[in-house]
């Protein structure tokens, strides 16, 4: 009679099993550490400015450095979420958290994914400048309320906010779509140069937009009737 278990004689049940998950977690930890070090380098550099002022030169400088510090780091959307969780409890951020917001935006603009979702309800902080310079072909979905300057200088991408937005939503946006499901604060669309800014709820006040289109619900708030020759809802200017 043939032993039906003959083929299993050589099996050593005590042999250690290789766990790919351990390697994956170790790699993820290393990536997170590299990203946090890059963020820290940005914050330390920006802290040299005694007063961090939100103006074009400072934004360009901080964003350019954020992009530079990310060079050579291969990261995913999951790594982006890990960074946000770490920064949410980090006490090293500068005034308004602007550099941190720009760092998160730089990650969104360079991560190897074109459809990104961040659950802001999981965080206590409301970083400004989320969606900063999001390029065409990328979509950023922000679940919950956002801080100030969401969608600033938007460059053709889509930023979708499921909650409320702070002040200066869509400031200086060039192209693309900024869609806010609830309400916005003051100076909405300030310096807007193109694209569509759609607010389902109430706009506290409009900024001085140059071009582009702004909606409050179904009403077109900018351009006005005098600017287009067509009926438009009267906007509330700042």
C-alpha atoms as a PDB file:
ATOM      1  CA  UNK A   1       0.000   0.000   0.000  1.00  0.00           C
ATOM      2  CA  UNK A   2       1.352   3.418  -0.979  1.00  0.00           C
ATOM      3  CA  UNK A   3       1.720   5.904   1.851  1.00  0.00           C
ATOM      4  CA  UNK A   4      -0.476   8.897   0.831  1.00  0.00           C
ATOM      5  CA  UNK A   5       1.707  11.245   2.943  1.00  0.00           C
ATOM      6  CA  UNK A   6       4.998  10.183   1.316  1.00  0.00           C
ATOM      7  CA  UNK A   7       5.376  13.497  -0.558  1.00  0.00           C
ATOM      8  CA  UNK A   8       5.155  15.518   2.661  1.00  0.00           C
ATOM      9  CA  UNK A   9       8.005  13.770   4.501  1.00  0.00           C
ATOM     10  CA  UNK A  10      10.498  16.470   3.559  1.00  0.00           C
ATOM     11  CA  UNK A  11       8.266  19.259   4.890  1.00  0.00           C
ATOM     12  CA  UNK A  12       9.804  21.005   7.887  1.00  0.00           C
ATOM     13  CA  UNK A  13       7.006  22.658   9.823  1.00  0.00           C
ATOM     14  CA  UNK A  14       9.511  24.418  12.073  1.00  0.00           C
ATOM     15  CA  UNK A  15      11.082  26.430   9.219  1.00  0.00           C
ATOM     16  CA  UNK A  16      10.626  30.175   9.827  1.00  0.00           C
ATOM     17  CA  UNK A  17       8.172  31.774   7.428  1.00  0.00           C
ATOM     18  CA  UNK A  18       9.157  34.913   5.598  1.00  0.00           C
ATOM     19  CA  UNK A  19       6.689  37.703   6.279  1.00  0.00           C
ATOM     20  CA  UNK A  20       6.495  40.247   3.437  1.00  0.00           C
ATOM     21  CA  UNK A  21       4.273  42.412   5.629  1.00  0.00           C
ATOM     22  CA  UNK A  22       7.204  43.070   7.972  1.00  0.00           C
ATOM     23  CA  UNK A  23       9.288  44.355   5.077  1.00  0.00           C
ATOM     24  CA  UNK A  24       6.407  46.515   3.839  1.00  0.00           C
ATOM     25  CA  UNK A  25       5.899  48.080   7.266  1.00  0.00           C
ATOM     26  CA  UNK A  26       9.618  48.698   7.700  1.00  0.00           C
ATOM     27  CA  UNK A  27       9.770  50.413   4.311  1.00  0.00           C
ATOM     28  CA  UNK A  28       6.741  52.523   5.190  1.00  0.00           C
ATOM     29  CA  UNK A  29       8.357  53.584   8.462  1.00  0.00           C
ATOM     30  CA  UNK A  30      11.547  54.591   6.650  1.00  0.00           C
ATOM     31  CA  UNK A  31       9.560  56.586   4.095  1.00  0.00           C
ATOM     32  CA  UNK A  32       7.617  58.358   6.836  1.00  0.00           C
ATOM     33  CA  UNK A  33      10.853  59.240   8.610  1.00  0.00           C
ATOM     34  CA  UNK A  34      12.310  60.716   5.411  1.00  0.00           C
ATOM     35  CA  UNK A  35       9.160  62.756   4.804  1.00  0.00           C
ATOM     36  CA  UNK A  36       9.070  64.089   8.362  1.00  0.00           C
ATOM     37  CA  UNK A  37      12.732  65.058   8.124  1.00  0.00           C
ATOM     38  CA  UNK A  38      11.964  66.912   4.890  1.00  0.00           C
ATOM     39  CA  UNK A  39       9.080  68.721   6.574  1.00  0.00           C
ATOM     40  CA  UNK A  40      11.288  69.611   9.533  1.00  0.00           C
ATOM     41  CA  UNK A  41      13.943  71.039   7.193  1.00  0.00           C
ATOM     42  CA  UNK A  42      11.289  73.251   5.584  1.00  0.00           C
ATOM     43  CA  UNK A  43       9.943  74.455   8.932  1.00  0.00           C
ATOM     44  CA  UNK A  44      13.399  75.219  10.281  1.00  0.00           C
ATOM     45  CA  UNK A  45      14.260  77.216   7.168  1.00  0.00           C
ATOM     46  CA  UNK A  46      11.013  79.196   7.305  1.00  0.00           C
ATOM     47  CA  UNK A  47      11.444  79.854  11.018  1.00  0.00           C
ATOM     48  CA  UNK A  48      14.443  81.976  10.133  1.00  0.00           C
ATOM     49  CA  UNK A  49      11.892  84.512   8.950  1.00  0.00           C
ATOM     50  CA  UNK A  50      11.013  86.253  12.224  1.00  0.00           C
ATOM     51  CA  UNK A  51       7.484  86.969  10.998  1.00  0.00           C
ATOM     52  CA  UNK A  52       6.037  84.576   8.430  1.00  0.00           C
ATOM     53  CA  UNK A  53       3.998  86.777   6.094  1.00  0.00           C
ATOM     54  CA  UNK A  54       1.567  85.294   3.569  1.00  0.00           C
ATOM     55  CA  UNK A  55       2.704  86.972   0.382  1.00  0.00           C
ATOM     56  CA  UNK A  56       3.698  85.774  -3.064  1.00  0.00           C
ATOM     57  CA  UNK A  57       7.462  85.759  -2.467  1.00  0.00           C
ATOM     58  CA  UNK A  58       7.201  83.787   0.763  1.00  0.00           C
ATOM     59  CA  UNK A  59       4.753  81.313  -0.784  1.00  0.00           C
ATOM     60  CA  UNK A  60       6.918  80.705  -3.830  1.00  0.00           C
ATOM     61  CA  UNK A  61      10.019  80.270  -1.713  1.00  0.00           C
ATOM     62  CA  UNK A  62       8.425  77.885   0.788  1.00  0.00           C
ATOM     63  CA  UNK A  63       6.667  75.820  -1.880  1.00  0.00           C
ATOM     64  CA  UNK A  64       9.813  75.538  -4.000  1.00  0.00           C
ATOM     65  CA  UNK A  65      11.751  74.319  -0.987  1.00  0.00           C
ATOM     66  CA  UNK A  66       8.998  71.828  -0.102  1.00  0.00           C
ATOM     67  CA  UNK A  67       9.221  70.370  -3.608  1.00  0.00           C
ATOM     68  CA  UNK A  68      13.005  70.257  -3.382  1.00  0.00           C
ATOM     69  CA  UNK A  69      12.987  68.402  -0.053  1.00  0.00           C
ATOM     70  CA  UNK A  70      10.694  65.748  -1.559  1.00  0.00           C
ATOM     71  CA  UNK A  71      13.111  64.934  -4.374  1.00  0.00           C
ATOM     72  CA  UNK A  72      14.256  61.321  -4.312  1.00  0.00           C
ATOM     73  CA  UNK A  73      11.518  60.138  -1.926  1.00  0.00           C
ATOM     74  CA  UNK A  74       9.118  57.568  -3.395  1.00  0.00           C
ATOM     75  CA  UNK A  75       5.867  58.005  -1.470  1.00  0.00           C
ATOM     76  CA  UNK A  76       2.215  57.006  -1.791  1.00  0.00           C
ATOM     77  CA  UNK A  77      -1.141  58.427  -0.730  1.00  0.00           C
ATOM     78  CA  UNK A  78      -0.908  56.231   2.370  1.00  0.00           C
ATOM     79  CA  UNK A  79       2.398  57.928   3.230  1.00  0.00           C
ATOM     80  CA  UNK A  80       0.711  61.293   2.738  1.00  0.00           C
ATOM     81  CA  UNK A  81      -1.984  60.291   5.241  1.00  0.00           C
ATOM     82  CA  UNK A  82       0.688  59.142   7.704  1.00  0.00           C
ATOM     83  CA  UNK A  83       2.436  62.524   7.441  1.00  0.00           C
ATOM     84  CA  UNK A  84      -0.827  64.370   8.120  1.00  0.00           C
ATOM     85  CA  UNK A  85      -1.443  62.229  11.208  1.00  0.00           C
ATOM     86  CA  UNK A  86       2.041  62.989  12.507  1.00  0.00           C
ATOM     87  CA  UNK A  87       1.780  66.720  11.822  1.00  0.00           C
ATOM     88  CA  UNK A  88      -1.596  66.863  13.518  1.00  0.00           C
ATOM     89  CA  UNK A  89       0.092  66.271  16.868  1.00  0.00           C
ATOM     90  CA  UNK A  90       3.370  68.029  16.035  1.00  0.00           C
ATOM     91  CA  UNK A  91       4.240  71.249  17.869  1.00  0.00           C
ATOM     92  CA  UNK A  92       6.926  72.500  15.497  1.00  0.00           C
ATOM     93  CA  UNK A  93       4.691  74.247  12.943  1.00  0.00           C
ATOM     94  CA  UNK A  94       5.082  77.966  12.319  1.00  0.00           C
ATOM     95  CA  UNK A  95       2.371  80.617  12.590  1.00  0.00           C
ATOM     96  CA  UNK A  96      -0.858  79.626  10.787  1.00  0.00           C
ATOM     97  CA  UNK A  97       0.755  76.310   9.803  1.00  0.00           C
ATOM     98  CA  UNK A  98       1.330  77.783   6.327  1.00  0.00           C
ATOM     99  CA  UNK A  99       4.618  75.974   5.588  1.00  0.00           C
ATOM    100  CA  UNK A 100       3.059  72.681   6.686  1.00  0.00           C
ATOM    101  CA  UNK A 101       0.043  73.277   4.453  1.00  0.00           C
ATOM    102  CA  UNK A 102       2.348  74.021   1.531  1.00  0.00           C
ATOM    103  CA  UNK A 103       4.339  70.863   2.278  1.00  0.00           C
ATOM    104  CA  UNK A 104       1.148  68.755   2.222  1.00  0.00           C
ATOM    105  CA  UNK A 105       0.143  70.419  -1.050  1.00  0.00           C
ATOM    106  CA  UNK A 106       3.563  69.692  -2.560  1.00  0.00           C
ATOM    107  CA  UNK A 107       3.046  66.035  -1.637  1.00  0.00           C
ATOM    108  CA  UNK A 108      -0.418  66.058  -3.248  1.00  0.00           C
ATOM    109  CA  UNK A 109       1.040  67.570  -6.419  1.00  0.00           C
ATOM    110  CA  UNK A 110       3.830  64.989  -6.720  1.00  0.00           C
ATOM    111  CA  UNK A 111       2.419  61.767  -5.255  1.00  0.00           C
ATOM    112  CA  UNK A 112       2.077  58.853  -7.687  1.00  0.00           C
ATOM    113  CA  UNK A 113      -1.702  59.133  -7.769  1.00  0.00           C
ATOM    114  CA  UNK A 114      -4.013  61.480  -9.605  1.00  0.00           C
ATOM    115  CA  UNK A 115      -7.068  61.044  -7.355  1.00  0.00           C
ATOM    116  CA  UNK A 116      -6.298  61.907  -3.734  1.00  0.00           C
ATOM    117  CA  UNK A 117      -8.649  61.916  -0.754  1.00  0.00           C
ATOM    118  CA  UNK A 118      -7.820  63.341   2.680  1.00  0.00           C
ATOM    119  CA  UNK A 119     -10.228  62.854   5.569  1.00  0.00           C
ATOM    120  CA  UNK A 120      -9.795  66.148   7.406  1.00  0.00           C
ATOM    121  CA  UNK A 121     -12.350  65.078  10.016  1.00  0.00           C
ATOM    122  CA  UNK A 122      -9.651  62.827  11.471  1.00  0.00           C
ATOM    123  CA  UNK A 123      -7.428  65.838  12.239  1.00  0.00           C
ATOM    124  CA  UNK A 124      -7.724  68.676  14.732  1.00  0.00           C
ATOM    125  CA  UNK A 125      -5.655  71.117  12.663  1.00  0.00           C
ATOM    126  CA  UNK A 126      -6.971  73.052   9.665  1.00  0.00           C
ATOM    127  CA  UNK A 127      -3.913  73.617   7.504  1.00  0.00           C
ATOM    128  CA  UNK A 128      -4.099  76.538   5.088  1.00  0.00           C
ATOM    129  CA  UNK A 129      -3.159  76.306   1.401  1.00  0.00           C
ATOM    130  CA  UNK A 130      -4.425  72.787   0.773  1.00  0.00           C
ATOM    131  CA  UNK A 131      -4.750  72.355  -2.976  1.00  0.00           C
ATOM    132  CA  UNK A 132      -2.100  75.019  -3.619  1.00  0.00           C
ATOM    133  CA  UNK A 133      -1.107  74.945  -7.318  1.00  0.00           C
ATOM    134  CA  UNK A 134      -2.821  71.583  -7.912  1.00  0.00           C
ATOM    135  CA  UNK A 135      -2.058  70.879 -11.588  1.00  0.00           C
ATOM    136  CA  UNK A 136      -4.382  69.819 -14.368  1.00  0.00           C
ATOM    137  CA  UNK A 137      -5.260  66.134 -14.336  1.00  0.00           C
ATOM    138  CA  UNK A 138      -5.270  65.792 -10.539  1.00  0.00           C
ATOM    139  CA  UNK A 139      -8.244  65.695  -8.196  1.00  0.00           C
ATOM    140  CA  UNK A 140      -8.014  66.423  -4.471  1.00  0.00           C
ATOM    141  CA  UNK A 141     -11.019  65.487  -2.349  1.00  0.00           C
ATOM    142  CA  UNK A 142     -11.032  67.048   1.116  1.00  0.00           C
ATOM    143  CA  UNK A 143     -13.540  65.435   3.476  1.00  0.00           C
ATOM    144  CA  UNK A 144     -14.602  67.929   6.140  1.00  0.00           C
ATOM    145  CA  UNK A 145     -13.866  71.617   6.740  1.00  0.00           C
ATOM    146  CA  UNK A 146     -10.736  73.299   5.398  1.00  0.00           C
ATOM    147  CA  UNK A 147      -8.665  76.246   6.579  1.00  0.00           C
ATOM    148  CA  UNK A 148      -7.894  79.484   4.761  1.00  0.00           C
ATOM    149  CA  UNK A 149      -6.507  79.747   1.208  1.00  0.00           C
ATOM    150  CA  UNK A 150      -7.861  76.410  -0.012  1.00  0.00           C
ATOM    151  CA  UNK A 151      -7.283  76.029  -3.759  1.00  0.00           C
ATOM    152  CA  UNK A 152      -4.882  78.980  -3.864  1.00  0.00           C
ATOM    153  CA  UNK A 153      -3.199  79.502  -7.253  1.00  0.00           C
ATOM    154  CA  UNK A 154      -5.001  76.426  -8.604  1.00  0.00           C
ATOM    155  CA  UNK A 155      -3.391  75.373 -11.898  1.00  0.00           C
ATOM    156  CA  UNK A 156      -6.091  73.316 -13.601  1.00  0.00           C
ATOM    157  CA  UNK A 157      -6.760  70.599 -11.059  1.00  0.00           C
ATOM    158  CA  UNK A 158     -10.005  69.871  -9.191  1.00  0.00           C
ATOM    159  CA  UNK A 159     -10.336  70.549  -5.458  1.00  0.00           C
ATOM    160  CA  UNK A 160     -13.566  69.251  -3.902  1.00  0.00           C
ATOM    161  CA  UNK A 161     -14.399  70.239  -0.315  1.00  0.00           C
ATOM    162  CA  UNK A 162     -17.231  68.367   1.392  1.00  0.00           C
ATOM    163  CA  UNK A 163     -17.556  70.899   4.243  1.00  0.00           C
ATOM    164  CA  UNK A 164     -16.880  74.610   4.772  1.00  0.00           C
ATOM    165  CA  UNK A 165     -13.862  76.620   3.673  1.00  0.00           C
ATOM    166  CA  UNK A 166     -12.143  79.503   5.446  1.00  0.00           C
ATOM    167  CA  UNK A 167     -11.161  82.903   4.094  1.00  0.00           C
ATOM    168  CA  UNK A 168      -9.535  83.550   0.705  1.00  0.00           C
ATOM    169  CA  UNK A 169     -10.859  80.367  -0.879  1.00  0.00           C
ATOM    170  CA  UNK A 170      -9.591  80.165  -4.464  1.00  0.00           C
ATOM    171  CA  UNK A 171      -7.274  83.146  -4.073  1.00  0.00           C
ATOM    172  CA  UNK A 172      -5.305  83.738  -7.264  1.00  0.00           C
ATOM    173  CA  UNK A 173      -6.555  80.525  -8.901  1.00  0.00           C
ATOM    174  CA  UNK A 174      -5.579  80.351 -12.557  1.00  0.00           C
ATOM    175  CA  UNK A 175      -7.636  77.464 -13.916  1.00  0.00           C
ATOM    176  CA  UNK A 176      -9.513  74.370 -12.809  1.00  0.00           C
ATOM    177  CA  UNK A 177     -12.408  73.787 -10.411  1.00  0.00           C
ATOM    178  CA  UNK A 178     -12.791  74.568  -6.719  1.00  0.00           C
ATOM    179  CA  UNK A 179     -16.095  73.148  -5.483  1.00  0.00           C
ATOM    180  CA  UNK A 180     -17.135  73.755  -1.870  1.00  0.00           C
ATOM    181  CA  UNK A 181     -20.235  71.900  -0.735  1.00  0.00           C
ATOM    182  CA  UNK A 182     -21.112  74.243   2.138  1.00  0.00           C
ATOM    183  CA  UNK A 183     -19.991  77.847   2.826  1.00  0.00           C
ATOM    184  CA  UNK A 184     -16.893  80.042   2.537  1.00  0.00           C
ATOM    185  CA  UNK A 185     -15.466  82.915   4.562  1.00  0.00           C
ATOM    186  CA  UNK A 186     -14.340  86.350   3.470  1.00  0.00           C
ATOM    187  CA  UNK A 187     -12.513  87.389   0.283  1.00  0.00           C
ATOM    188  CA  UNK A 188     -13.670  84.364  -1.691  1.00  0.00           C
ATOM    189  CA  UNK A 189     -12.045  84.362  -5.129  1.00  0.00           C
ATOM    190  CA  UNK A 190      -9.651  87.218  -4.323  1.00  0.00           C
ATOM    191  CA  UNK A 191      -7.344  87.839  -7.302  1.00  0.00           C
ATOM    192  CA  UNK A 192      -8.901  84.941  -9.232  1.00  0.00           C
ATOM    193  CA  UNK A 193      -7.606  84.804 -12.806  1.00  0.00           C
ATOM    194  CA  UNK A 194      -9.514  81.856 -14.258  1.00  0.00           C
ATOM    195  CA  UNK A 195     -11.353  78.631 -13.600  1.00  0.00           C
ATOM    196  CA  UNK A 196     -14.627  77.961 -11.792  1.00  0.00           C
ATOM    197  CA  UNK A 197     -15.282  78.487  -8.077  1.00  0.00           C
ATOM    198  CA  UNK A 198     -18.562  76.919  -7.011  1.00  0.00           C
ATOM    199  CA  UNK A 199     -20.015  77.271  -3.489  1.00  0.00           C
ATOM    200  CA  UNK A 200     -23.195  75.351  -2.703  1.00  0.00           C
ATOM    201  CA  UNK A 201     -23.828  77.271   0.513  1.00  0.00           C
ATOM    202  CA  UNK A 202     -23.228  80.917   1.386  1.00  0.00           C
ATOM    203  CA  UNK A 203     -20.314  83.139   0.443  1.00  0.00           C
ATOM    204  CA  UNK A 204     -19.553  85.471   3.337  1.00  0.00           C
ATOM    205  CA  UNK A 205     -18.016  88.037   0.988  1.00  0.00           C
ATOM    206  CA  UNK A 206     -16.387  88.144  -2.416  1.00  0.00           C
ATOM    207  CA  UNK A 207     -12.858  89.266  -3.050  1.00  0.00           C
ATOM    208  CA  UNK A 208     -11.819  91.248  -6.098  1.00  0.00           C
ATOM    209  CA  UNK A 209     -11.669  88.595  -8.803  1.00  0.00           C
ATOM    210  CA  UNK A 210     -10.180  89.443 -12.186  1.00  0.00           C
ATOM    211  CA  UNK A 211     -11.479  86.674 -14.445  1.00  0.00           C
ATOM    212  CA  UNK A 212     -13.084  83.263 -14.017  1.00  0.00           C
ATOM    213  CA  UNK A 213     -16.568  82.402 -12.751  1.00  0.00           C
ATOM    214  CA  UNK A 214     -17.927  82.260  -9.195  1.00  0.00           C
ATOM    215  CA  UNK A 215     -21.236  80.661  -8.227  1.00  0.00           C
ATOM    216  CA  UNK A 216     -23.183  80.765  -4.977  1.00  0.00           C
ATOM    217  CA  UNK A 217     -25.672  77.940  -5.296  1.00  0.00           C
ATOM    218  CA  UNK A 218     -27.288  78.370  -8.715  1.00  0.00           C
ATOM    219  CA  UNK A 219     -26.542  82.097  -8.858  1.00  0.00           C
ATOM    220  CA  UNK A 220     -23.584  83.445 -10.766  1.00  0.00           C
ATOM    221  CA  UNK A 221     -21.886  85.944  -8.505  1.00  0.00           C
ATOM    222  CA  UNK A 222     -19.004  86.879 -10.793  1.00  0.00           C
ATOM    223  CA  UNK A 223     -18.885  88.259 -13.444  1.00  0.00           C
ATOM    224  CA  UNK A 224     -21.869  90.482 -12.739  1.00  0.00           C
ATOM    225  CA  UNK A 225     -24.565  91.550 -15.207  1.00  0.00           C
ATOM    226  CA  UNK A 226     -22.763  94.803 -15.971  1.00  0.00           C
ATOM    227  CA  UNK A 227     -19.640  92.846 -16.852  1.00  0.00           C
ATOM    228  CA  UNK A 228     -21.285  90.174 -19.012  1.00  0.00           C
ATOM    229  CA  UNK A 229     -24.447  91.808 -20.312  1.00  0.00           C
ATOM    230  CA  UNK A 230     -26.429  88.891 -18.850  1.00  0.00           C
ATOM    231  CA  UNK A 231     -28.438  88.783 -15.610  1.00  0.00           C
ATOM    232  CA  UNK A 232     -26.396  87.736 -12.614  1.00  0.00           C
ATOM    233  CA  UNK A 233     -27.015  87.677  -8.905  1.00  0.00           C
ATOM    234  CA  UNK A 234     -25.720  90.759  -7.095  1.00  0.00           C
ATOM    235  CA  UNK A 235     -22.591  89.747  -5.168  1.00  0.00           C
ATOM    236  CA  UNK A 236     -21.581  90.851  -1.715  1.00  0.00           C
ATOM    237  CA  UNK A 237     -18.273  92.629  -2.100  1.00  0.00           C
ATOM    238  CA  UNK A 238     -15.794  92.779   0.715  1.00  0.00           C
END
